[in-house]
């Protein structure tokens, strides 16, 4: 984000929506038109942004801070689906289908959000029907990723789930990759406990697969981690 955008939250909001992957198939003028409808809201750390089952009448982009997206599990624990960072967009699914929120969103830290109302988004899409194809592609990709996470939690042992999650977070980079999620967050992502994740990571560190620091976890042998993800 540019220096001007940081100083002016509304300018930052428009910048985020103009560069949102959902709208990348549109012209610059079209993206600017929809992003001009954005407004700003701030949340304190721990404050609910929306709850599962709530009306989905807004989509949001993070200007500053982090947002936690999660689902309650049957045993009362939280299944962390994602941590939304500055520059990311969330909440778009319920906005587009008009149904209830499918997950909880909580401010992980004090945060500032750019918000677009459903009525503005739908009015824009009515005027620009070609935009739907790109949006459908993005939503299908996100749905497949969520299904994959839920299937892994249900069917695979924790070390395999953890290895797959860490590889997914870091993408395809070949250099030493640092993961800045806490062990508690990783445990929630894979449906485990912090203690079980810590035990697994310590074992991998002894084997030279990862390096653990206070603020990050680095993958030092990606090939070995890929083998663990594949074969356990």
C-alpha atoms as a PDB file:
ATOM      1  CA  UNK A   1       0.000   0.000   0.000  1.00  0.00           C
ATOM      2  CA  UNK A   2       1.279   3.471  -0.856  1.00  0.00           C
ATOM      3  CA  UNK A   3       2.236   6.063   1.763  1.00  0.00           C
ATOM      4  CA  UNK A   4      -0.780   8.162   0.790  1.00  0.00           C
ATOM      5  CA  UNK A   5      -3.086   5.194   1.296  1.00  0.00           C
ATOM      6  CA  UNK A   6      -1.673   4.587   4.783  1.00  0.00           C
ATOM      7  CA  UNK A   7      -2.358   8.191   5.768  1.00  0.00           C
ATOM      8  CA  UNK A   8      -5.896   8.178   4.359  1.00  0.00           C
ATOM      9  CA  UNK A   9      -7.828   4.999   5.386  1.00  0.00           C
ATOM     10  CA  UNK A  10     -10.547   5.626   2.811  1.00  0.00           C
ATOM     11  CA  UNK A  11      -7.946   5.883   0.063  1.00  0.00           C
ATOM     12  CA  UNK A  12      -6.439   2.669   1.402  1.00  0.00           C
ATOM     13  CA  UNK A  13      -9.860   1.013   1.301  1.00  0.00           C
ATOM     14  CA  UNK A  14     -10.370   1.921  -2.315  1.00  0.00           C
ATOM     15  CA  UNK A  15      -6.856   0.746  -3.156  1.00  0.00           C
ATOM     16  CA  UNK A  16      -7.564  -2.670  -1.628  1.00  0.00           C
ATOM     17  CA  UNK A  17     -10.833  -3.200  -3.451  1.00  0.00           C
ATOM     18  CA  UNK A  18      -9.406  -1.955  -6.737  1.00  0.00           C
ATOM     19  CA  UNK A  19      -6.725  -4.665  -6.439  1.00  0.00           C
ATOM     20  CA  UNK A  20      -9.026  -7.361  -5.043  1.00  0.00           C
ATOM     21  CA  UNK A  21      -8.737 -10.690  -6.870  1.00  0.00           C
ATOM     22  CA  UNK A  22     -12.535 -10.853  -7.116  1.00  0.00           C
ATOM     23  CA  UNK A  23     -12.532  -7.806  -9.371  1.00  0.00           C
ATOM     24  CA  UNK A  24      -9.271  -8.281 -11.252  1.00  0.00           C
ATOM     25  CA  UNK A  25     -11.086  -9.161 -14.468  1.00  0.00           C
ATOM     26  CA  UNK A  26     -12.651  -5.700 -14.576  1.00  0.00           C
ATOM     27  CA  UNK A  27     -11.295  -2.543 -16.131  1.00  0.00           C
ATOM     28  CA  UNK A  28      -9.550   0.026 -13.960  1.00  0.00           C
ATOM     29  CA  UNK A  29     -12.560   2.307 -14.215  1.00  0.00           C
ATOM     30  CA  UNK A  30     -14.948  -0.452 -13.179  1.00  0.00           C
ATOM     31  CA  UNK A  31     -12.806  -1.401 -10.159  1.00  0.00           C
ATOM     32  CA  UNK A  32     -12.555   2.244  -9.158  1.00  0.00           C
ATOM     33  CA  UNK A  33     -16.318   2.657  -9.410  1.00  0.00           C
ATOM     34  CA  UNK A  34     -17.103  -0.201  -7.051  1.00  0.00           C
ATOM     35  CA  UNK A  35     -14.316   0.620  -4.588  1.00  0.00           C
ATOM     36  CA  UNK A  36     -15.562   4.218  -4.310  1.00  0.00           C
ATOM     37  CA  UNK A  37     -18.538   2.845  -2.372  1.00  0.00           C
ATOM     38  CA  UNK A  38     -16.330   1.545   0.462  1.00  0.00           C
ATOM     39  CA  UNK A  39     -16.494   2.888   4.009  1.00  0.00           C
ATOM     40  CA  UNK A  40     -14.282   2.398   7.080  1.00  0.00           C
ATOM     41  CA  UNK A  41     -14.854   0.732  10.443  1.00  0.00           C
ATOM     42  CA  UNK A  42     -12.469  -0.068  13.305  1.00  0.00           C
ATOM     43  CA  UNK A  43     -12.592  -3.020  15.740  1.00  0.00           C
ATOM     44  CA  UNK A  44     -10.847  -3.655  19.049  1.00  0.00           C
ATOM     45  CA  UNK A  45      -8.830  -6.827  19.610  1.00  0.00           C
ATOM     46  CA  UNK A  46     -11.194  -9.685  20.438  1.00  0.00           C
ATOM     47  CA  UNK A  47     -14.276  -7.881  19.103  1.00  0.00           C
ATOM     48  CA  UNK A  48     -16.707  -9.895  16.982  1.00  0.00           C
ATOM     49  CA  UNK A  49     -16.902  -8.717  13.388  1.00  0.00           C
ATOM     50  CA  UNK A  50     -19.614 -11.183  12.471  1.00  0.00           C
ATOM     51  CA  UNK A  51     -20.850 -14.534  13.788  1.00  0.00           C
ATOM     52  CA  UNK A  52     -21.821 -17.726  12.014  1.00  0.00           C
ATOM     53  CA  UNK A  53     -25.499 -17.497  11.102  1.00  0.00           C
ATOM     54  CA  UNK A  54     -25.547 -13.688  10.952  1.00  0.00           C
ATOM     55  CA  UNK A  55     -26.902 -11.918   7.843  1.00  0.00           C
ATOM     56  CA  UNK A  56     -24.254 -11.570   5.140  1.00  0.00           C
ATOM     57  CA  UNK A  57     -24.799  -8.008   4.011  1.00  0.00           C
ATOM     58  CA  UNK A  58     -21.182  -6.768   3.724  1.00  0.00           C
ATOM     59  CA  UNK A  59     -17.783  -7.863   2.404  1.00  0.00           C
ATOM     60  CA  UNK A  60     -14.591  -6.510   3.920  1.00  0.00           C
ATOM     61  CA  UNK A  61     -10.906  -5.865   3.270  1.00  0.00           C
ATOM     62  CA  UNK A  62      -8.298  -5.546   6.011  1.00  0.00           C
ATOM     63  CA  UNK A  63      -6.440  -2.233   6.020  1.00  0.00           C
ATOM     64  CA  UNK A  64      -4.562  -2.862   9.277  1.00  0.00           C
ATOM     65  CA  UNK A  65      -4.504  -5.586  11.920  1.00  0.00           C
ATOM     66  CA  UNK A  66      -5.547  -9.229  11.532  1.00  0.00           C
ATOM     67  CA  UNK A  67      -8.889 -11.043  11.475  1.00  0.00           C
ATOM     68  CA  UNK A  68      -9.514 -14.609  12.645  1.00  0.00           C
ATOM     69  CA  UNK A  69     -11.921 -16.789  10.617  1.00  0.00           C
ATOM     70  CA  UNK A  70     -13.029 -19.947  12.417  1.00  0.00           C
ATOM     71  CA  UNK A  71     -15.704 -22.569  12.969  1.00  0.00           C
ATOM     72  CA  UNK A  72     -16.848 -24.107  16.261  1.00  0.00           C
ATOM     73  CA  UNK A  73     -16.184 -27.852  16.385  1.00  0.00           C
ATOM     74  CA  UNK A  74     -18.332 -30.572  17.953  1.00  0.00           C
ATOM     75  CA  UNK A  75     -16.026 -30.908  20.967  1.00  0.00           C
ATOM     76  CA  UNK A  76     -16.286 -27.210  21.790  1.00  0.00           C
ATOM     77  CA  UNK A  77     -12.926 -26.277  20.329  1.00  0.00           C
ATOM     78  CA  UNK A  78     -12.280 -23.810  17.526  1.00  0.00           C
ATOM     79  CA  UNK A  79     -11.298 -24.854  14.022  1.00  0.00           C
ATOM     80  CA  UNK A  80      -9.243 -21.992  12.635  1.00  0.00           C
ATOM     81  CA  UNK A  81      -9.806 -21.620   8.904  1.00  0.00           C
ATOM     82  CA  UNK A  82      -7.634 -18.573   8.243  1.00  0.00           C
ATOM     83  CA  UNK A  83      -5.967 -15.478   9.614  1.00  0.00           C
ATOM     84  CA  UNK A  84      -6.830 -12.579   7.316  1.00  0.00           C
ATOM     85  CA  UNK A  85      -3.960 -10.112   6.958  1.00  0.00           C
ATOM     86  CA  UNK A  86      -3.770  -6.526   5.642  1.00  0.00           C
ATOM     87  CA  UNK A  87      -4.614  -6.503   1.947  1.00  0.00           C
ATOM     88  CA  UNK A  88      -6.891  -9.563   2.111  1.00  0.00           C
ATOM     89  CA  UNK A  89     -10.646  -9.643   1.455  1.00  0.00           C
ATOM     90  CA  UNK A  90     -13.188 -11.756   3.357  1.00  0.00           C
ATOM     91  CA  UNK A  91     -16.921 -12.171   3.892  1.00  0.00           C
ATOM     92  CA  UNK A  92     -17.768 -12.167   0.199  1.00  0.00           C
ATOM     93  CA  UNK A  93     -19.552 -15.540   0.020  1.00  0.00           C
ATOM     94  CA  UNK A  94     -22.598 -14.607   2.100  1.00  0.00           C
ATOM     95  CA  UNK A  95     -22.748 -11.242   0.355  1.00  0.00           C
ATOM     96  CA  UNK A  96     -23.065 -12.848  -3.052  1.00  0.00           C
ATOM     97  CA  UNK A  97     -25.554 -15.620  -2.243  1.00  0.00           C
ATOM     98  CA  UNK A  98     -27.593 -13.602   0.268  1.00  0.00           C
ATOM     99  CA  UNK A  99     -27.437 -16.320   2.919  1.00  0.00           C
ATOM    100  CA  UNK A 100     -26.107 -16.397   6.475  1.00  0.00           C
ATOM    101  CA  UNK A 101     -22.441 -16.216   7.440  1.00  0.00           C
ATOM    102  CA  UNK A 102     -20.740 -19.615   7.241  1.00  0.00           C
ATOM    103  CA  UNK A 103     -18.032 -18.869   9.854  1.00  0.00           C
ATOM    104  CA  UNK A 104     -17.124 -16.558  12.723  1.00  0.00           C
ATOM    105  CA  UNK A 105     -14.888 -13.512  12.197  1.00  0.00           C
ATOM    106  CA  UNK A 106     -13.122 -11.935  15.184  1.00  0.00           C
ATOM    107  CA  UNK A 107     -10.537  -9.155  15.334  1.00  0.00           C
ATOM    108  CA  UNK A 108      -7.316 -10.980  16.233  1.00  0.00           C
ATOM    109  CA  UNK A 109      -5.771  -7.576  16.939  1.00  0.00           C
ATOM    110  CA  UNK A 110      -7.071  -4.025  16.760  1.00  0.00           C
ATOM    111  CA  UNK A 111      -7.933  -3.609  13.115  1.00  0.00           C
ATOM    112  CA  UNK A 112      -9.329  -1.238  10.512  1.00  0.00           C
ATOM    113  CA  UNK A 113     -11.578  -2.635   7.796  1.00  0.00           C
ATOM    114  CA  UNK A 114     -12.822  -1.338   4.484  1.00  0.00           C
ATOM    115  CA  UNK A 115     -16.429  -2.386   3.960  1.00  0.00           C
ATOM    116  CA  UNK A 116     -18.625  -2.737   0.885  1.00  0.00           C
ATOM    117  CA  UNK A 117     -22.388  -3.173   1.314  1.00  0.00           C
ATOM    118  CA  UNK A 118     -24.183  -5.974  -0.504  1.00  0.00           C
ATOM    119  CA  UNK A 119     -26.603  -3.610  -2.261  1.00  0.00           C
ATOM    120  CA  UNK A 120     -23.697  -1.709  -3.842  1.00  0.00           C
ATOM    121  CA  UNK A 121     -21.945  -4.892  -4.973  1.00  0.00           C
ATOM    122  CA  UNK A 122     -25.079  -6.404  -6.505  1.00  0.00           C
ATOM    123  CA  UNK A 123     -26.040  -3.171  -8.221  1.00  0.00           C
ATOM    124  CA  UNK A 124     -22.578  -3.012  -9.756  1.00  0.00           C
ATOM    125  CA  UNK A 125     -22.720  -6.656 -10.910  1.00  0.00           C
ATOM    126  CA  UNK A 126     -26.089  -6.075 -12.535  1.00  0.00           C
ATOM    127  CA  UNK A 127     -24.455  -3.374 -14.633  1.00  0.00           C
ATOM    128  CA  UNK A 128     -21.366  -5.523 -15.305  1.00  0.00           C
ATOM    129  CA  UNK A 129     -22.530  -9.163 -15.712  1.00  0.00           C
ATOM    130  CA  UNK A 130     -19.181 -10.255 -17.188  1.00  0.00           C
ATOM    131  CA  UNK A 131     -17.663  -9.818 -13.723  1.00  0.00           C
ATOM    132  CA  UNK A 132     -19.563 -12.856 -12.431  1.00  0.00           C
ATOM    133  CA  UNK A 133     -17.330 -15.402 -14.184  1.00  0.00           C
ATOM    134  CA  UNK A 134     -14.178 -14.272 -12.384  1.00  0.00           C
ATOM    135  CA  UNK A 135     -15.982 -14.131  -9.062  1.00  0.00           C
ATOM    136  CA  UNK A 136     -17.326 -17.670  -9.493  1.00  0.00           C
ATOM    137  CA  UNK A 137     -13.818 -18.951 -10.277  1.00  0.00           C
ATOM    138  CA  UNK A 138     -12.394 -17.398  -7.113  1.00  0.00           C
ATOM    139  CA  UNK A 139     -15.215 -18.689  -4.910  1.00  0.00           C
ATOM    140  CA  UNK A 140     -14.886 -22.214  -6.288  1.00  0.00           C
ATOM    141  CA  UNK A 141     -11.167 -22.180  -5.496  1.00  0.00           C
ATOM    142  CA  UNK A 142     -11.827 -21.064  -1.918  1.00  0.00           C
ATOM    143  CA  UNK A 143     -14.531 -23.701  -1.448  1.00  0.00           C
ATOM    144  CA  UNK A 144     -12.207 -26.454  -2.635  1.00  0.00           C
ATOM    145  CA  UNK A 145      -9.524 -25.306  -0.186  1.00  0.00           C
ATOM    146  CA  UNK A 146     -11.974 -25.319   2.719  1.00  0.00           C
ATOM    147  CA  UNK A 147     -13.223 -28.786   1.786  1.00  0.00           C
ATOM    148  CA  UNK A 148      -9.618 -29.983   1.674  1.00  0.00           C
ATOM    149  CA  UNK A 149      -8.889 -28.666   5.175  1.00  0.00           C
ATOM    150  CA  UNK A 150     -12.014 -30.262   6.646  1.00  0.00           C
ATOM    151  CA  UNK A 151     -11.272 -33.612   4.967  1.00  0.00           C
ATOM    152  CA  UNK A 152      -7.710 -33.589   6.304  1.00  0.00           C
ATOM    153  CA  UNK A 153      -8.894 -32.935   9.862  1.00  0.00           C
ATOM    154  CA  UNK A 154     -11.355 -35.822   9.644  1.00  0.00           C
ATOM    155  CA  UNK A 155      -9.190 -38.440   7.927  1.00  0.00           C
ATOM    156  CA  UNK A 156      -5.458 -37.830   8.493  1.00  0.00           C
ATOM    157  CA  UNK A 157      -3.070 -38.098  11.435  1.00  0.00           C
ATOM    158  CA  UNK A 158      -1.873 -34.838  12.955  1.00  0.00           C
ATOM    159  CA  UNK A 159       1.721 -34.921  11.582  1.00  0.00           C
ATOM    160  CA  UNK A 160       0.367 -35.325   8.044  1.00  0.00           C
ATOM    161  CA  UNK A 161      -2.203 -32.562   8.548  1.00  0.00           C
ATOM    162  CA  UNK A 162       0.433 -30.246   9.991  1.00  0.00           C
ATOM    163  CA  UNK A 163       2.890 -30.907   7.171  1.00  0.00           C
ATOM    164  CA  UNK A 164       0.218 -30.266   4.533  1.00  0.00           C
ATOM    165  CA  UNK A 165      -0.896 -27.055   6.236  1.00  0.00           C
ATOM    166  CA  UNK A 166       2.656 -25.696   6.490  1.00  0.00           C
ATOM    167  CA  UNK A 167       3.312 -26.459   2.824  1.00  0.00           C
ATOM    168  CA  UNK A 168       0.046 -24.810   1.872  1.00  0.00           C
ATOM    169  CA  UNK A 169       0.869 -21.676   3.855  1.00  0.00           C
ATOM    170  CA  UNK A 170       4.279 -21.263   2.254  1.00  0.00           C
ATOM    171  CA  UNK A 171       3.237 -22.076  -1.308  1.00  0.00           C
ATOM    172  CA  UNK A 172       5.940 -23.218  -3.747  1.00  0.00           C
ATOM    173  CA  UNK A 173       8.933 -21.127  -2.672  1.00  0.00           C
ATOM    174  CA  UNK A 174      12.255 -22.972  -2.667  1.00  0.00           C
ATOM    175  CA  UNK A 175      14.164 -20.742  -0.232  1.00  0.00           C
ATOM    176  CA  UNK A 176      13.990 -21.014   3.571  1.00  0.00           C
ATOM    177  CA  UNK A 177      10.357 -20.227   4.307  1.00  0.00           C
ATOM    178  CA  UNK A 178       9.175 -18.605   7.535  1.00  0.00           C
ATOM    179  CA  UNK A 179       5.707 -19.223   8.904  1.00  0.00           C
ATOM    180  CA  UNK A 180       4.555 -16.472  11.235  1.00  0.00           C
ATOM    181  CA  UNK A 181       1.543 -18.234  12.713  1.00  0.00           C
ATOM    182  CA  UNK A 182       1.842 -19.210  16.366  1.00  0.00           C
ATOM    183  CA  UNK A 183       1.805 -22.859  17.382  1.00  0.00           C
ATOM    184  CA  UNK A 184      -1.632 -22.240  18.892  1.00  0.00           C
ATOM    185  CA  UNK A 185      -2.892 -20.962  15.536  1.00  0.00           C
ATOM    186  CA  UNK A 186      -1.374 -23.904  13.662  1.00  0.00           C
ATOM    187  CA  UNK A 187      -2.985 -26.293  16.143  1.00  0.00           C
ATOM    188  CA  UNK A 188      -6.374 -24.702  15.558  1.00  0.00           C
ATOM    189  CA  UNK A 189      -5.889 -24.893  11.785  1.00  0.00           C
ATOM    190  CA  UNK A 190      -5.225 -28.633  11.863  1.00  0.00           C
ATOM    191  CA  UNK A 191      -7.711 -29.528  14.610  1.00  0.00           C
ATOM    192  CA  UNK A 192      -5.065 -30.440  17.199  1.00  0.00           C
ATOM    193  CA  UNK A 193      -3.696 -29.101  20.457  1.00  0.00           C
ATOM    194  CA  UNK A 194      -0.790 -26.722  20.934  1.00  0.00           C
ATOM    195  CA  UNK A 195       1.039 -29.437  22.889  1.00  0.00           C
ATOM    196  CA  UNK A 196       0.719 -32.018  20.101  1.00  0.00           C
ATOM    197  CA  UNK A 197       1.852 -29.506  17.467  1.00  0.00           C
ATOM    198  CA  UNK A 198       4.805 -28.448  19.615  1.00  0.00           C
ATOM    199  CA  UNK A 199       5.857 -32.080  20.085  1.00  0.00           C
ATOM    200  CA  UNK A 200       5.699 -32.683  16.339  1.00  0.00           C
ATOM    201  CA  UNK A 201       7.639 -29.517  15.485  1.00  0.00           C
ATOM    202  CA  UNK A 202      10.341 -30.287  18.070  1.00  0.00           C
ATOM    203  CA  UNK A 203      10.803 -33.727  16.537  1.00  0.00           C
ATOM    204  CA  UNK A 204      11.069 -32.202  13.064  1.00  0.00           C
ATOM    205  CA  UNK A 205      13.558 -29.629  14.315  1.00  0.00           C
ATOM    206  CA  UNK A 206      15.759 -32.430  15.663  1.00  0.00           C
ATOM    207  CA  UNK A 207      15.591 -34.024  12.210  1.00  0.00           C
ATOM    208  CA  UNK A 208      16.571 -30.792  10.462  1.00  0.00           C
ATOM    209  CA  UNK A 209      13.211 -30.335   8.754  1.00  0.00           C
ATOM    210  CA  UNK A 210      12.206 -27.097  10.492  1.00  0.00           C
ATOM    211  CA  UNK A 211      13.730 -24.397  12.658  1.00  0.00           C
ATOM    212  CA  UNK A 212      11.666 -22.960  15.504  1.00  0.00           C
ATOM    213  CA  UNK A 213      12.058 -19.383  16.706  1.00  0.00           C
ATOM    214  CA  UNK A 214      10.022 -17.291  19.138  1.00  0.00           C
ATOM    215  CA  UNK A 215       8.246 -15.431  16.339  1.00  0.00           C
ATOM    216  CA  UNK A 216       8.370 -17.825  13.405  1.00  0.00           C
ATOM    217  CA  UNK A 217       8.851 -21.387  12.172  1.00  0.00           C
ATOM    218  CA  UNK A 218      11.116 -21.937   9.167  1.00  0.00           C
ATOM    219  CA  UNK A 219      10.976 -24.889   6.773  1.00  0.00           C
ATOM    220  CA  UNK A 220      14.605 -25.898   6.218  1.00  0.00           C
ATOM    221  CA  UNK A 221      14.047 -29.178   4.335  1.00  0.00           C
ATOM    222  CA  UNK A 222      10.998 -28.846   2.132  1.00  0.00           C
ATOM    223  CA  UNK A 223      11.559 -32.176   0.400  1.00  0.00           C
ATOM    224  CA  UNK A 224      11.430 -34.021   3.725  1.00  0.00           C
ATOM    225  CA  UNK A 225       8.290 -32.137   4.757  1.00  0.00           C
ATOM    226  CA  UNK A 226       6.640 -33.014   1.436  1.00  0.00           C
ATOM    227  CA  UNK A 227       7.407 -36.699   2.079  1.00  0.00           C
ATOM    228  CA  UNK A 228       5.814 -36.414   5.529  1.00  0.00           C
ATOM    229  CA  UNK A 229       2.749 -34.778   4.008  1.00  0.00           C
ATOM    230  CA  UNK A 230       2.468 -37.557   1.450  1.00  0.00           C
ATOM    231  CA  UNK A 231       3.326 -40.641   3.479  1.00  0.00           C
ATOM    232  CA  UNK A 232       3.267 -39.641   7.166  1.00  0.00           C
END
